[in-house]
Amino acid sequence: LQNIPEGSVLVVDGGGSRKCALLGDNLAHIAVTRQLSGIVVYG
């Protein structure tokens, strides 16, 4: 989230685990600030 180019989509393969969260409001804020297009989390 801190390094990919603006306008990108981060795809996170979290193995489909439902045991914990891989993204919260702090990381989402990074995506907003860096103007990323969106995020897909398989988790």
PDB file of all heavy atoms in Angstrom:
ATOM      1  N   LEU A   1       0.828  -1.211   0.000  1.00  0.00           N
ATOM      2  CA  LEU A   1       0.000   0.000   0.000  1.00  0.00           C
ATOM      3  C   LEU A   1       0.861   1.260   0.000  1.00  0.00           C
ATOM      4  O   LEU A   1       0.490   2.280  -0.577  1.00  0.00           O
ATOM      5  CB  LEU A   1      -0.952   0.001   1.193  1.00  0.00           C
ATOM      6  CG  LEU A   1      -2.078  -1.030   1.146  1.00  0.00           C
ATOM      7  CD1 LEU A   1      -2.796  -1.110   2.484  1.00  0.00           C
ATOM      8  CD2 LEU A   1      -3.050  -0.725   0.010  1.00  0.00           C
ATOM      9  N   GLN A   2       2.003   1.191   0.635  1.00  0.00           N
ATOM     10  CA  GLN A   2       2.907   2.343   0.707  1.00  0.00           C
ATOM     11  C   GLN A   2       3.723   2.539  -0.566  1.00  0.00           C
ATOM     12  O   GLN A   2       4.269   3.624  -0.777  1.00  0.00           O
ATOM     13  CB  GLN A   2       3.865   2.187   1.894  1.00  0.00           C
ATOM     14  CG  GLN A   2       3.173   2.266   3.230  1.00  0.00           C
ATOM     15  CD  GLN A   2       4.089   1.880   4.382  1.00  0.00           C
ATOM     16  OE1 GLN A   2       4.964   1.036   4.243  1.00  0.00           O
ATOM     17  NE2 GLN A   2       3.861   2.504   5.535  1.00  0.00           N
ATOM     18  N   ASN A   3       3.815   1.502  -1.421  1.00  0.00           N
ATOM     19  CA  ASN A   3       4.758   1.560  -2.533  1.00  0.00           C
ATOM     20  C   ASN A   3       4.186   1.403  -3.935  1.00  0.00           C
ATOM     21  O   ASN A   3       4.832   1.835  -4.886  1.00  0.00           O
ATOM     22  CB  ASN A   3       5.848   0.500  -2.334  1.00  0.00           C
ATOM     23  CG  ASN A   3       6.713   0.826  -1.136  1.00  0.00           C
ATOM     24  OD1 ASN A   3       7.312   1.887  -1.056  1.00  0.00           O
ATOM     25  ND2 ASN A   3       6.770  -0.085  -0.177  1.00  0.00           N
ATOM     26  N   ILE A   4       3.037   0.778  -4.103  1.00  0.00           N
ATOM     27  CA  ILE A   4       2.539   0.565  -5.470  1.00  0.00           C
ATOM     28  C   ILE A   4       2.082   1.901  -6.064  1.00  0.00           C
ATOM     29  O   ILE A   4       1.738   2.835  -5.337  1.00  0.00           O
ATOM     30  CB  ILE A   4       1.434  -0.503  -5.521  1.00  0.00           C
ATOM     31  CG1 ILE A   4       0.163  -0.067  -4.782  1.00  0.00           C
ATOM     32  CG2 ILE A   4       1.951  -1.838  -4.996  1.00  0.00           C
ATOM     33  CD1 ILE A   4      -0.993  -1.040  -4.919  1.00  0.00           C
ATOM     34  N   PRO A   5       2.069   2.010  -7.391  1.00  0.00           N
ATOM     35  CA  PRO A   5       1.735   3.291  -8.031  1.00  0.00           C
ATOM     36  C   PRO A   5       0.285   3.731  -7.822  1.00  0.00           C
ATOM     37  O   PRO A   5      -0.625   2.905  -7.707  1.00  0.00           O
ATOM     38  CB  PRO A   5       1.995   3.020  -9.516  1.00  0.00           C
ATOM     39  CG  PRO A   5       2.869   1.821  -9.564  1.00  0.00           C
ATOM     40  CD  PRO A   5       2.532   1.011  -8.356  1.00  0.00           C
ATOM     41  N   GLU A   6       0.095   5.024  -7.815  1.00  0.00           N
ATOM     42  CA  GLU A   6      -1.236   5.631  -7.763  1.00  0.00           C
ATOM     43  C   GLU A   6      -2.102   5.026  -8.861  1.00  0.00           C
ATOM     44  O   GLU A   6      -1.628   4.744  -9.957  1.00  0.00           O
ATOM     45  CB  GLU A   6      -1.085   7.139  -7.988  1.00  0.00           C
ATOM     46  CG  GLU A   6      -2.364   7.915  -8.023  1.00  0.00           C
ATOM     47  CD  GLU A   6      -2.136   9.398  -8.269  1.00  0.00           C
ATOM     48  OE1 GLU A   6      -1.204   9.964  -7.670  1.00  0.00           O
ATOM     49  OE2 GLU A   6      -2.899   9.976  -9.067  1.00  0.00           O
ATOM     50  N   GLY A   7      -3.384   4.812  -8.556  1.00  0.00           N
ATOM     51  CA  GLY A   7      -4.310   4.247  -9.532  1.00  0.00           C
ATOM     52  C   GLY A   7      -4.299   2.735  -9.624  1.00  0.00           C
ATOM     53  O   GLY A   7      -5.086   2.153 -10.367  1.00  0.00           O
ATOM     54  N   SER A   8      -3.432   2.090  -8.856  1.00  0.00           N
ATOM     55  CA  SER A   8      -3.329   0.631  -8.884  1.00  0.00           C
ATOM     56  C   SER A   8      -4.382  -0.025  -8.004  1.00  0.00           C
ATOM     57  O   SER A   8      -4.948   0.600  -7.107  1.00  0.00           O
ATOM     58  CB  SER A   8      -1.951   0.185  -8.386  1.00  0.00           C
ATOM     59  OG  SER A   8      -0.940   0.669  -9.222  1.00  0.00           O
ATOM     60  N   VAL A   9      -4.585  -1.308  -8.260  1.00  0.00           N
ATOM     61  CA  VAL A   9      -5.438  -2.149  -7.416  1.00  0.00           C
ATOM     62  C   VAL A   9      -4.535  -3.147  -6.715  1.00  0.00           C
ATOM     63  O   VAL A   9      -3.781  -3.867  -7.364  1.00  0.00           O
ATOM     64  CB  VAL A   9      -6.496  -2.894  -8.250  1.00  0.00           C
ATOM     65  CG1 VAL A   9      -7.298  -3.848  -7.359  1.00  0.00           C
ATOM     66  CG2 VAL A   9      -7.422  -1.920  -8.962  1.00  0.00           C
ATOM     67  N   LEU A  10      -4.598  -3.179  -5.383  1.00  0.00           N
ATOM     68  CA  LEU A  10      -3.856  -4.184  -4.626  1.00  0.00           C
ATOM     69  C   LEU A  10      -4.744  -5.412  -4.459  1.00  0.00           C
ATOM     70  O   LEU A  10      -5.855  -5.314  -3.935  1.00  0.00           O
ATOM     71  CB  LEU A  10      -3.428  -3.658  -3.258  1.00  0.00           C
ATOM     72  CG  LEU A  10      -2.658  -4.678  -2.410  1.00  0.00           C
ATOM     73  CD1 LEU A  10      -1.355  -5.090  -3.096  1.00  0.00           C
ATOM     74  CD2 LEU A  10      -2.396  -4.130  -1.021  1.00  0.00           C
ATOM     75  N   VAL A  11      -4.241  -6.550  -4.894  1.00  0.00           N
ATOM     76  CA  VAL A  11      -4.933  -7.827  -4.722  1.00  0.00           C
ATOM     77  C   VAL A  11      -4.161  -8.622  -3.678  1.00  0.00           C
ATOM     78  O   VAL A  11      -2.979  -8.907  -3.855  1.00  0.00           O
ATOM     79  CB  VAL A  11      -5.027  -8.601  -6.053  1.00  0.00           C
ATOM     80  CG1 VAL A  11      -5.609  -9.988  -5.814  1.00  0.00           C
ATOM     81  CG2 VAL A  11      -5.863  -7.832  -7.056  1.00  0.00           C
ATOM     82  N   VAL A  12      -4.839  -8.953  -2.587  1.00  0.00           N
ATOM     83  CA  VAL A  12      -4.236  -9.661  -1.461  1.00  0.00           C
ATOM     84  C   VAL A  12      -4.798 -11.075  -1.411  1.00  0.00           C
ATOM     85  O   VAL A  12      -5.986 -11.269  -1.158  1.00  0.00           O
ATOM     86  CB  VAL A  12      -4.525  -8.939  -0.127  1.00  0.00           C
ATOM     87  CG1 VAL A  12      -3.921  -9.701   1.038  1.00  0.00           C
ATOM     88  CG2 VAL A  12      -4.052  -7.497  -0.173  1.00  0.00           C
ATOM     89  N   ASP A  13      -3.935 -12.060  -1.661  1.00  0.00           N
ATOM     90  CA  ASP A  13      -4.337 -13.457  -1.503  1.00  0.00           C
ATOM     91  C   ASP A  13      -4.015 -13.844  -0.068  1.00  0.00           C
ATOM     92  O   ASP A  13      -2.883 -14.135   0.268  1.00  0.00           O
ATOM     93  CB  ASP A  13      -3.587 -14.348  -2.488  1.00  0.00           C
ATOM     94  CG  ASP A  13      -3.978 -15.816  -2.358  1.00  0.00           C
ATOM     95  OD1 ASP A  13      -4.710 -16.172  -1.410  1.00  0.00           O
ATOM     96  OD2 ASP A  13      -3.539 -16.607  -3.208  1.00  0.00           O
ATOM     97  N   GLY A  14      -5.034 -13.807   0.768  1.00  0.00           N
ATOM     98  CA  GLY A  14      -4.880 -14.156   2.169  1.00  0.00           C
ATOM     99  C   GLY A  14      -5.252 -15.602   2.461  1.00  0.00           C
ATOM    100  O   GLY A  14      -5.498 -15.968   3.619  1.00  0.00           O
ATOM    101  N   GLY A  15      -5.310 -16.424   1.409  1.00  0.00           N
ATOM    102  CA  GLY A  15      -5.624 -17.824   1.603  1.00  0.00           C
ATOM    103  C   GLY A  15      -7.055 -18.094   2.018  1.00  0.00           C
ATOM    104  O   GLY A  15      -7.408 -19.210   2.389  1.00  0.00           O
ATOM    105  N   GLY A  16      -7.896 -17.060   1.993  1.00  0.00           N
ATOM    106  CA  GLY A  16      -9.293 -17.225   2.392  1.00  0.00           C
ATOM    107  C   GLY A  16      -9.493 -17.356   3.891  1.00  0.00           C
ATOM    108  O   GLY A  16     -10.580 -17.695   4.349  1.00  0.00           O
ATOM    109  N   SER A  17      -8.454 -17.049   4.680  1.00  0.00           N
ATOM    110  CA  SER A  17      -8.567 -17.182   6.133  1.00  0.00           C
ATOM    111  C   SER A  17      -9.572 -16.177   6.699  1.00  0.00           C
ATOM    112  O   SER A  17      -9.565 -15.005   6.328  1.00  0.00           O
ATOM    113  CB  SER A  17      -7.209 -16.960   6.804  1.00  0.00           C
ATOM    114  OG  SER A  17      -7.372 -16.964   8.212  1.00  0.00           O
ATOM    115  N   ARG A  18     -10.391 -16.669   7.615  1.00  0.00           N
ATOM    116  CA  ARG A  18     -11.351 -15.815   8.320  1.00  0.00           C
ATOM    117  C   ARG A  18     -10.966 -15.645   9.790  1.00  0.00           C
ATOM    118  O   ARG A  18     -11.746 -15.179  10.589  1.00  0.00           O
ATOM    119  CB  ARG A  18     -12.748 -16.416   8.214  1.00  0.00           C
ATOM    120  CG  ARG A  18     -13.269 -16.438   6.790  1.00  0.00           C
ATOM    121  CD  ARG A  18     -14.635 -17.098   6.719  1.00  0.00           C
ATOM    122  NE  ARG A  18     -15.131 -17.180   5.377  1.00  0.00           N
ATOM    123  CZ  ARG A  18     -15.928 -16.273   4.809  1.00  0.00           C
ATOM    124  NH1 ARG A  18     -16.297 -15.212   5.484  1.00  0.00           N
ATOM    125  NH2 ARG A  18     -16.342 -16.438   3.568  1.00  0.00           N
ATOM    126  N   LYS A  19      -9.736 -16.038  10.150  1.00  0.00           N
ATOM    127  CA  LYS A  19      -9.309 -16.033  11.554  1.00  0.00           C
ATOM    128  C   LYS A  19      -8.807 -14.687  12.045  1.00  0.00           C
ATOM    129  O   LYS A  19      -8.680 -14.483  13.256  1.00  0.00           O
ATOM    130  CB  LYS A  19      -8.235 -17.094  11.770  1.00  0.00           C
ATOM    131  CG  LYS A  19      -8.768 -18.498  11.595  1.00  0.00           C
ATOM    132  CD  LYS A  19      -7.708 -19.528  11.873  1.00  0.00           C
ATOM    133  CE  LYS A  19      -8.266 -20.922  11.686  1.00  0.00           C
ATOM    134  NZ  LYS A  19      -7.246 -21.935  11.937  1.00  0.00           N
ATOM    135  N   CYS A  20      -8.469 -13.770  11.125  1.00  0.00           N
ATOM    136  CA  CYS A  20      -8.012 -12.438  11.515  1.00  0.00           C
ATOM    137  C   CYS A  20      -8.182 -11.516  10.317  1.00  0.00           C
ATOM    138  O   CYS A  20      -8.466 -11.958   9.212  1.00  0.00           O
ATOM    139  CB  CYS A  20      -6.560 -12.454  11.984  1.00  0.00           C
ATOM    140  SG  CYS A  20      -5.372 -12.874  10.701  1.00  0.00           S
ATOM    141  N   ALA A  21      -7.996 -10.222  10.559  1.00  0.00           N
ATOM    142  CA  ALA A  21      -8.118  -9.222   9.500  1.00  0.00           C
ATOM    143  C   ALA A  21      -6.753  -8.878   8.928  1.00  0.00           C
ATOM    144  O   ALA A  21      -5.771  -8.755   9.658  1.00  0.00           O
ATOM    145  CB  ALA A  21      -8.768  -7.960  10.049  1.00  0.00           C
ATOM    146  N   LEU A  22      -6.704  -8.736   7.616  1.00  0.00           N
ATOM    147  CA  LEU A  22      -5.465  -8.357   6.933  1.00  0.00           C
ATOM    148  C   LEU A  22      -5.411  -6.864   6.635  1.00  0.00           C
ATOM    149  O   LEU A  22      -4.370  -6.356   6.230  1.00  0.00           O
ATOM    150  CB  LEU A  22      -5.319  -9.142   5.635  1.00  0.00           C
ATOM    151  CG  LEU A  22      -5.138 -10.640   5.802  1.00  0.00           C
ATOM    152  CD1 LEU A  22      -5.147 -11.335   4.449  1.00  0.00           C
ATOM    153  CD2 LEU A  22      -3.850 -10.939   6.570  1.00  0.00           C
ATOM    154  N   LEU A  23      -6.523  -6.162   6.837  1.00  0.00           N
ATOM    155  CA  LEU A  23      -6.582  -4.735   6.541  1.00  0.00           C
ATOM    156  C   LEU A  23      -7.597  -4.084   7.458  1.00  0.00           C
ATOM    157  O   LEU A  23      -8.675  -4.640   7.673  1.00  0.00           O
ATOM    158  CB  LEU A  23      -6.989  -4.552   5.073  1.00  0.00           C
ATOM    159  CG  LEU A  23      -7.034  -3.133   4.564  1.00  0.00           C
ATOM    160  CD1 LEU A  23      -6.265  -3.030   3.259  1.00  0.00           C
ATOM    161  CD2 LEU A  23      -8.468  -2.693   4.339  1.00  0.00           C
ATOM    162  N   GLY A  24      -7.243  -2.925   7.973  1.00  0.00           N
ATOM    163  CA  GLY A  24      -8.150  -2.142   8.801  1.00  0.00           C
ATOM    164  C   GLY A  24      -8.163  -0.699   8.343  1.00  0.00           C
ATOM    165  O   GLY A  24      -7.638  -0.365   7.274  1.00  0.00           O
ATOM    166  N   ASP A  25      -8.744   0.180   9.170  1.00  0.00           N
ATOM    167  CA  ASP A  25      -8.887   1.574   8.754  1.00  0.00           C
ATOM    168  C   ASP A  25      -7.555   2.287   8.561  1.00  0.00           C
ATOM    169  O   ASP A  25      -7.431   3.135   7.681  1.00  0.00           O
ATOM    170  CB  ASP A  25      -9.795   2.345   9.707  1.00  0.00           C
ATOM    171  CG  ASP A  25      -9.277   2.434  11.133  1.00  0.00           C
ATOM    172  OD1 ASP A  25      -8.431   1.601  11.539  1.00  0.00           O
ATOM    173  OD2 ASP A  25      -9.734   3.333  11.859  1.00  0.00           O
ATOM    174  N   ASN A  26      -6.530   1.939   9.330  1.00  0.00           N
ATOM    175  CA  ASN A  26      -5.234   2.602   9.159  1.00  0.00           C
ATOM    176  C   ASN A  26      -4.625   2.285   7.794  1.00  0.00           C
ATOM    177  O   ASN A  26      -4.104   3.181   7.108  1.00  0.00           O
ATOM    178  CB  ASN A  26      -4.255   2.208  10.270  1.00  0.00           C
ATOM    179  CG  ASN A  26      -4.661   2.770  11.612  1.00  0.00           C
ATOM    180  OD1 ASN A  26      -5.297   3.814  11.693  1.00  0.00           O
ATOM    181  ND2 ASN A  26      -4.303   2.070  12.671  1.00  0.00           N
ATOM    182  N   LEU A  27      -4.674   1.025   7.370  1.00  0.00           N
ATOM    183  CA  LEU A  27      -4.141   0.667   6.064  1.00  0.00           C
ATOM    184  C   LEU A  27      -5.038   1.197   4.940  1.00  0.00           C
ATOM    185  O   LEU A  27      -4.529   1.628   3.896  1.00  0.00           O
ATOM    186  CB  LEU A  27      -3.959  -0.842   5.940  1.00  0.00           C
ATOM    187  CG  LEU A  27      -2.939  -1.474   6.894  1.00  0.00           C
ATOM    188  CD1 LEU A  27      -2.697  -2.928   6.534  1.00  0.00           C
ATOM    189  CD2 LEU A  27      -1.638  -0.705   6.914  1.00  0.00           C
ATOM    190  N   ALA A  28      -6.340   1.198   5.150  1.00  0.00           N
ATOM    191  CA  ALA A  28      -7.245   1.770   4.147  1.00  0.00           C
ATOM    192  C   ALA A  28      -6.950   3.256   3.961  1.00  0.00           C
ATOM    193  O   ALA A  28      -6.999   3.771   2.837  1.00  0.00           O
ATOM    194  CB  ALA A  28      -8.697   1.550   4.553  1.00  0.00           C
ATOM    195  N   HIS A  29      -6.618   3.941   5.051  1.00  0.00           N
ATOM    196  CA  HIS A  29      -6.279   5.370   4.972  1.00  0.00           C
ATOM    197  C   HIS A  29      -5.040   5.586   4.095  1.00  0.00           C
ATOM    198  O   HIS A  29      -4.967   6.560   3.334  1.00  0.00           O
ATOM    199  CB  HIS A  29      -6.063   5.951   6.370  1.00  0.00           C
ATOM    200  CG  HIS A  29      -5.706   7.391   6.359  1.00  0.00           C
ATOM    201  ND1 HIS A  29      -6.620   8.377   6.058  1.00  0.00           N
ATOM    202  CD2 HIS A  29      -4.527   8.024   6.571  1.00  0.00           C
ATOM    203  CE1 HIS A  29      -6.012   9.557   6.096  1.00  0.00           C
ATOM    204  NE2 HIS A  29      -4.743   9.368   6.408  1.00  0.00           N
ATOM    205  N   ILE A  30      -4.063   4.688   4.188  1.00  0.00           N
ATOM    206  CA  ILE A  30      -2.884   4.780   3.318  1.00  0.00           C
ATOM    207  C   ILE A  30      -3.318   4.697   1.857  1.00  0.00           C
ATOM    208  O   ILE A  30      -2.863   5.486   1.015  1.00  0.00           O
ATOM    209  CB  ILE A  30      -1.861   3.665   3.643  1.00  0.00           C
ATOM    210  CG1 ILE A  30      -1.271   3.872   5.036  1.00  0.00           C
ATOM    211  CG2 ILE A  30      -0.754   3.621   2.587  1.00  0.00           C
ATOM    212  CD1 ILE A  30      -0.441   2.694   5.543  1.00  0.00           C
ATOM    213  N   ALA A  31      -4.206   3.771   1.544  1.00  0.00           N
ATOM    214  CA  ALA A  31      -4.689   3.612   0.169  1.00  0.00           C
ATOM    215  C   ALA A  31      -5.401   4.873  -0.316  1.00  0.00           C
ATOM    216  O   ALA A  31      -5.219   5.295  -1.462  1.00  0.00           O
ATOM    217  CB  ALA A  31      -5.610   2.397   0.073  1.00  0.00           C
ATOM    218  N   VAL A  32      -6.208   5.481   0.548  1.00  0.00           N
ATOM    219  CA  VAL A  32      -6.923   6.709   0.186  1.00  0.00           C
ATOM    220  C   VAL A  32      -5.921   7.835  -0.069  1.00  0.00           C
ATOM    221  O   VAL A  32      -5.978   8.515  -1.099  1.00  0.00           O
ATOM    222  CB  VAL A  32      -7.927   7.108   1.288  1.00  0.00           C
ATOM    223  CG1 VAL A  32      -8.506   8.486   1.021  1.00  0.00           C
ATOM    224  CG2 VAL A  32      -9.036   6.074   1.415  1.00  0.00           C
ATOM    225  N   THR A  33      -4.995   8.018   0.869  1.00  0.00           N
ATOM    226  CA  THR A  33      -4.005   9.091   0.766  1.00  0.00           C
ATOM    227  C   THR A  33      -3.153   8.941  -0.497  1.00  0.00           C
ATOM    228  O   THR A  33      -2.826   9.927  -1.154  1.00  0.00           O
ATOM    229  CB  THR A  33      -3.095   9.093   2.018  1.00  0.00           C
ATOM    230  OG1 THR A  33      -3.930   9.267   3.171  1.00  0.00           O
ATOM    231  CG2 THR A  33      -2.073  10.203   1.956  1.00  0.00           C
ATOM    232  N   ARG A  34      -2.807   7.731  -0.845  1.00  0.00           N
ATOM    233  CA  ARG A  34      -1.954   7.473  -2.010  1.00  0.00           C
ATOM    234  C   ARG A  34      -2.746   7.358  -3.308  1.00  0.00           C
ATOM    235  O   ARG A  34      -2.193   7.106  -4.351  1.00  0.00           O
ATOM    236  CB  ARG A  34      -1.125   6.211  -1.778  1.00  0.00           C
ATOM    237  CG  ARG A  34      -0.164   6.402  -0.592  1.00  0.00           C
ATOM    238  CD  ARG A  34       1.079   5.572  -0.648  1.00  0.00           C
ATOM    239  NE  ARG A  34       1.794   5.771  -1.899  1.00  0.00           N
ATOM    240  CZ  ARG A  34       1.863   4.853  -2.871  1.00  0.00           C
ATOM    241  NH1 ARG A  34       1.298   3.673  -2.739  1.00  0.00           N
ATOM    242  NH2 ARG A  34       2.529   5.117  -3.979  1.00  0.00           N
ATOM    243  N   GLN A  35      -4.068   7.540  -3.233  1.00  0.00           N
ATOM    244  CA  GLN A  35      -4.963   7.518  -4.390  1.00  0.00           C
ATOM    245  C   GLN A  35      -4.878   6.208  -5.169  1.00  0.00           C
ATOM    246  O   GLN A  35      -4.813   6.193  -6.396  1.00  0.00           O
ATOM    247  CB  GLN A  35      -4.700   8.721  -5.296  1.00  0.00           C
ATOM    248  CG  GLN A  35      -4.968  10.021  -4.590  1.00  0.00           C
ATOM    249  CD  GLN A  35      -4.762  11.237  -5.490  1.00  0.00           C
ATOM    250  OE1 GLN A  35      -4.211  11.154  -6.572  1.00  0.00           O
ATOM    251  NE2 GLN A  35      -5.216  12.378  -5.015  1.00  0.00           N
ATOM    252  N   LEU A  36      -4.895   5.100  -4.419  1.00  0.00           N
ATOM    253  CA  LEU A  36      -4.987   3.798  -5.062  1.00  0.00           C
ATOM    254  C   LEU A  36      -6.423   3.610  -5.542  1.00  0.00           C
ATOM    255  O   LEU A  36      -7.367   4.161  -4.969  1.00  0.00           O
ATOM    256  CB  LEU A  36      -4.575   2.690  -4.101  1.00  0.00           C
ATOM    257  CG  LEU A  36      -3.148   2.798  -3.552  1.00  0.00           C
ATOM    258  CD1 LEU A  36      -2.821   1.615  -2.666  1.00  0.00           C
ATOM    259  CD2 LEU A  36      -2.130   2.927  -4.677  1.00  0.00           C
ATOM    260  N   SER A  37      -6.603   2.822  -6.570  1.00  0.00           N
ATOM    261  CA  SER A  37      -7.927   2.640  -7.150  1.00  0.00           C
ATOM    262  C   SER A  37      -8.827   1.783  -6.261  1.00  0.00           C
ATOM    263  O   SER A  37     -10.003   2.086  -6.084  1.00  0.00           O
ATOM    264  CB  SER A  37      -7.795   2.007  -8.532  1.00  0.00           C
ATOM    265  OG  SER A  37      -9.048   1.896  -9.139  1.00  0.00           O
ATOM    266  N   GLY A  38      -8.274   0.706  -5.690  1.00  0.00           N
ATOM    267  CA  GLY A  38      -9.070  -0.171  -4.846  1.00  0.00           C
ATOM    268  C   GLY A  38      -8.241  -1.332  -4.332  1.00  0.00           C
ATOM    269  O   GLY A  38      -7.061  -1.466  -4.662  1.00  0.00           O
ATOM    270  N   ILE A  39      -8.898  -2.159  -3.512  1.00  0.00           N
ATOM    271  CA  ILE A  39      -8.232  -3.293  -2.877  1.00  0.00           C
ATOM    272  C   ILE A  39      -9.185  -4.490  -2.911  1.00  0.00           C
ATOM    273  O   ILE A  39     -10.384  -4.345  -2.640  1.00  0.00           O
ATOM    274  CB  ILE A  39      -7.875  -2.983  -1.406  1.00  0.00           C
ATOM    275  CG1 ILE A  39      -7.033  -1.718  -1.297  1.00  0.00           C
ATOM    276  CG2 ILE A  39      -7.164  -4.167  -0.752  1.00  0.00           C
ATOM    277  CD1 ILE A  39      -6.893  -1.178   0.128  1.00  0.00           C
ATOM    278  N   VAL A  40      -8.644  -5.662  -3.230  1.00  0.00           N
ATOM    279  CA  VAL A  40      -9.391  -6.919  -3.133  1.00  0.00           C
ATOM    280  C   VAL A  40      -8.631  -7.809  -2.162  1.00  0.00           C
ATOM    281  O   VAL A  40      -7.434  -8.038  -2.335  1.00  0.00           O
ATOM    282  CB  VAL A  40      -9.531  -7.607  -4.503  1.00  0.00           C
ATOM    283  CG1 VAL A  40     -10.194  -8.966  -4.341  1.00  0.00           C
ATOM    284  CG2 VAL A  40     -10.316  -6.725  -5.468  1.00  0.00           C
ATOM    285  N   VAL A  41      -9.322  -8.299  -1.142  1.00  0.00           N
ATOM    286  CA  VAL A  41      -8.703  -9.132  -0.110  1.00  0.00           C
ATOM    287  C   VAL A  41      -9.410 -10.484  -0.067  1.00  0.00           C
ATOM    288  O   VAL A  41     -10.598 -10.551   0.261  1.00  0.00           O
ATOM    289  CB  VAL A  41      -8.784  -8.472   1.283  1.00  0.00           C
ATOM    290  CG1 VAL A  41      -8.105  -9.346   2.334  1.00  0.00           C
ATOM    291  CG2 VAL A  41      -8.182  -7.075   1.271  1.00  0.00           C
ATOM    292  N   TYR A  42      -8.662 -11.540  -0.409  1.00  0.00           N
ATOM    293  CA  TYR A  42      -9.193 -12.888  -0.237  1.00  0.00           C
ATOM    294  C   TYR A  42      -8.885 -13.289   1.206  1.00  0.00           C
ATOM    295  O   TYR A  42      -8.006 -14.077   1.504  1.00  0.00           O
ATOM    296  CB  TYR A  42      -8.581 -13.851  -1.252  1.00  0.00           C
ATOM    297  CG  TYR A  42      -9.225 -15.212  -1.237  1.00  0.00           C
ATOM    298  CD1 TYR A  42     -10.601 -15.359  -1.377  1.00  0.00           C
ATOM    299  CD2 TYR A  42      -8.464 -16.356  -1.085  1.00  0.00           C
ATOM    300  CE1 TYR A  42     -11.199 -16.610  -1.356  1.00  0.00           C
ATOM    301  CE2 TYR A  42      -9.053 -17.610  -1.074  1.00  0.00           C
ATOM    302  CZ  TYR A  42     -10.414 -17.723  -1.204  1.00  0.00           C
ATOM    303  OH  TYR A  42     -11.007 -18.968  -1.189  1.00  0.00           O
ATOM    304  N   GLY A  43      -9.610 -12.644   2.096  1.00  0.00           N
ATOM    305  CA  GLY A  43      -9.457 -12.745   3.531  1.00  0.00           C
ATOM    306  C   GLY A  43     -10.374 -11.708   4.150  1.00  0.00           C
ATOM    307  O   GLY A  43     -11.279 -11.198   3.479  1.00  0.00           O
TER     308      GLY A  43
END
